């Protein structure tokens, strides 16, 4: 597993409830992925062990180096909005 210095120094210490295993699982089997304008890639996945919360994992443009991870409170609302547009 590859990690950016930002993730190693800041994110891991700030968000102790997030497991690296969860990040790996989300990247390997995301509900949704999306490219950011800066080339980074967002991956979303549901974490059953965390009360089915949605974890967003941001990787570098290689799709595997983890740069950020956090629980995304707005993801389900975003999916609902997108479904209404179809």
Protein backbone atom coordinates (compact mmCIF):
# COMPACT_ATOMS: atom_id res chain seq x y z
CA UNK A 1 0.00 0.00 0.00
CA UNK A 2 1.31 3.40 -0.98
CA UNK A 3 0.59 6.51 1.09
CA UNK A 4 1.40 10.17 0.52
CA UNK A 5 3.39 11.99 3.24
CA UNK A 6 0.25 14.05 3.93
CA UNK A 7 -1.76 10.91 4.64
CA UNK A 8 0.98 9.39 6.81
CA UNK A 9 1.60 12.51 8.90
CA UNK A 10 -1.80 14.20 9.08
CA UNK A 11 -4.72 11.95 8.18
CA UNK A 12 -3.69 8.82 10.08
CA UNK A 13 -3.17 10.82 13.29
CA UNK A 14 -6.27 12.98 12.86
CA UNK A 15 -8.79 10.29 11.90
CA UNK A 16 -7.93 7.39 14.17
CA UNK A 17 -11.27 5.67 13.55
CA UNK A 18 -10.40 5.02 9.89
CA UNK A 19 -8.58 1.79 9.16
CA UNK A 20 -6.11 1.30 6.32
CA UNK A 21 -7.87 -1.98 5.58
CA UNK A 22 -11.10 -0.06 4.97
CA UNK A 23 -9.27 2.27 2.57
CA UNK A 24 -7.93 -0.71 0.65
CA UNK A 25 -11.40 -2.27 0.46
CA UNK A 26 -12.96 0.92 -0.88
CA UNK A 27 -10.28 1.29 -3.57
CA UNK A 28 -10.59 -2.36 -4.58
CA UNK A 29 -14.39 -2.35 -4.75
CA UNK A 30 -15.83 1.19 -4.84
CA UNK A 31 -19.52 2.08 -5.09
CA UNK A 32 -18.47 5.02 -7.23
CA UNK A 33 -15.29 6.63 -8.53
CA UNK A 34 -14.79 10.11 -9.87
CA UNK A 35 -11.79 12.05 -11.15
CA UNK A 36 -11.05 15.46 -9.68
CA UNK A 37 -9.81 18.39 -11.81
CA UNK A 38 -6.33 17.99 -10.28
CA UNK A 39 -6.13 14.36 -11.45
CA UNK A 40 -6.75 12.74 -8.09
CA UNK A 41 -9.43 10.06 -7.92
CA UNK A 42 -12.27 9.84 -5.39
CA UNK A 43 -13.48 6.39 -4.37
CA UNK A 44 -16.56 5.83 -2.20
CA UNK A 45 -17.57 2.72 -0.30
CA UNK A 46 -19.82 1.63 2.56
CA UNK A 47 -18.11 0.41 5.71
CA UNK A 48 -20.38 -2.05 7.52
CA UNK A 49 -18.20 -2.03 10.66
CA UNK A 50 -18.71 1.74 10.96
CA UNK A 51 -22.52 1.63 11.05
CA UNK A 52 -22.71 1.55 7.24
CA UNK A 53 -21.12 4.98 6.92
CA UNK A 54 -19.70 5.99 3.54
CA UNK A 55 -15.92 6.32 3.37
CA UNK A 56 -14.38 8.53 0.69
CA UNK A 57 -10.79 7.65 -0.18
CA UNK A 58 -8.84 10.03 -2.39
CA UNK A 59 -5.91 8.63 -4.33
CA UNK A 60 -3.32 10.21 -6.56
CA UNK A 61 -3.84 9.85 -10.30
CA UNK A 62 -2.27 6.36 -10.17
CA UNK A 63 -5.44 5.14 -8.43
CA UNK A 64 -3.55 3.44 -5.61
CA UNK A 65 -1.52 5.96 -3.60
CA UNK A 66 -3.81 7.09 -0.76
CA UNK A 67 -3.81 10.83 -0.13
CA UNK A 68 -6.90 11.34 2.03
CA UNK A 69 -9.79 9.44 3.63
CA UNK A 70 -12.83 10.55 5.56
CA UNK A 71 -16.45 9.67 6.19
CA UNK A 72 -18.55 11.52 3.62
CA UNK A 73 -21.82 12.65 5.19
CA UNK A 74 -23.17 14.06 1.92
CA UNK A 75 -22.64 11.09 -0.40
CA UNK A 76 -26.10 9.54 -0.02
CA UNK A 77 -27.77 12.91 -0.68
CA UNK A 78 -25.60 13.36 -3.76
CA UNK A 79 -26.70 9.95 -5.08
CA UNK A 80 -30.35 10.89 -4.54
CA UNK A 81 -29.88 14.15 -6.48
CA UNK A 82 -28.17 12.33 -9.34
CA UNK A 83 -30.96 9.71 -9.48
CA UNK A 84 -33.60 12.45 -9.77
CA UNK A 85 -31.78 13.94 -12.76
CA UNK A 86 -32.02 10.70 -14.73
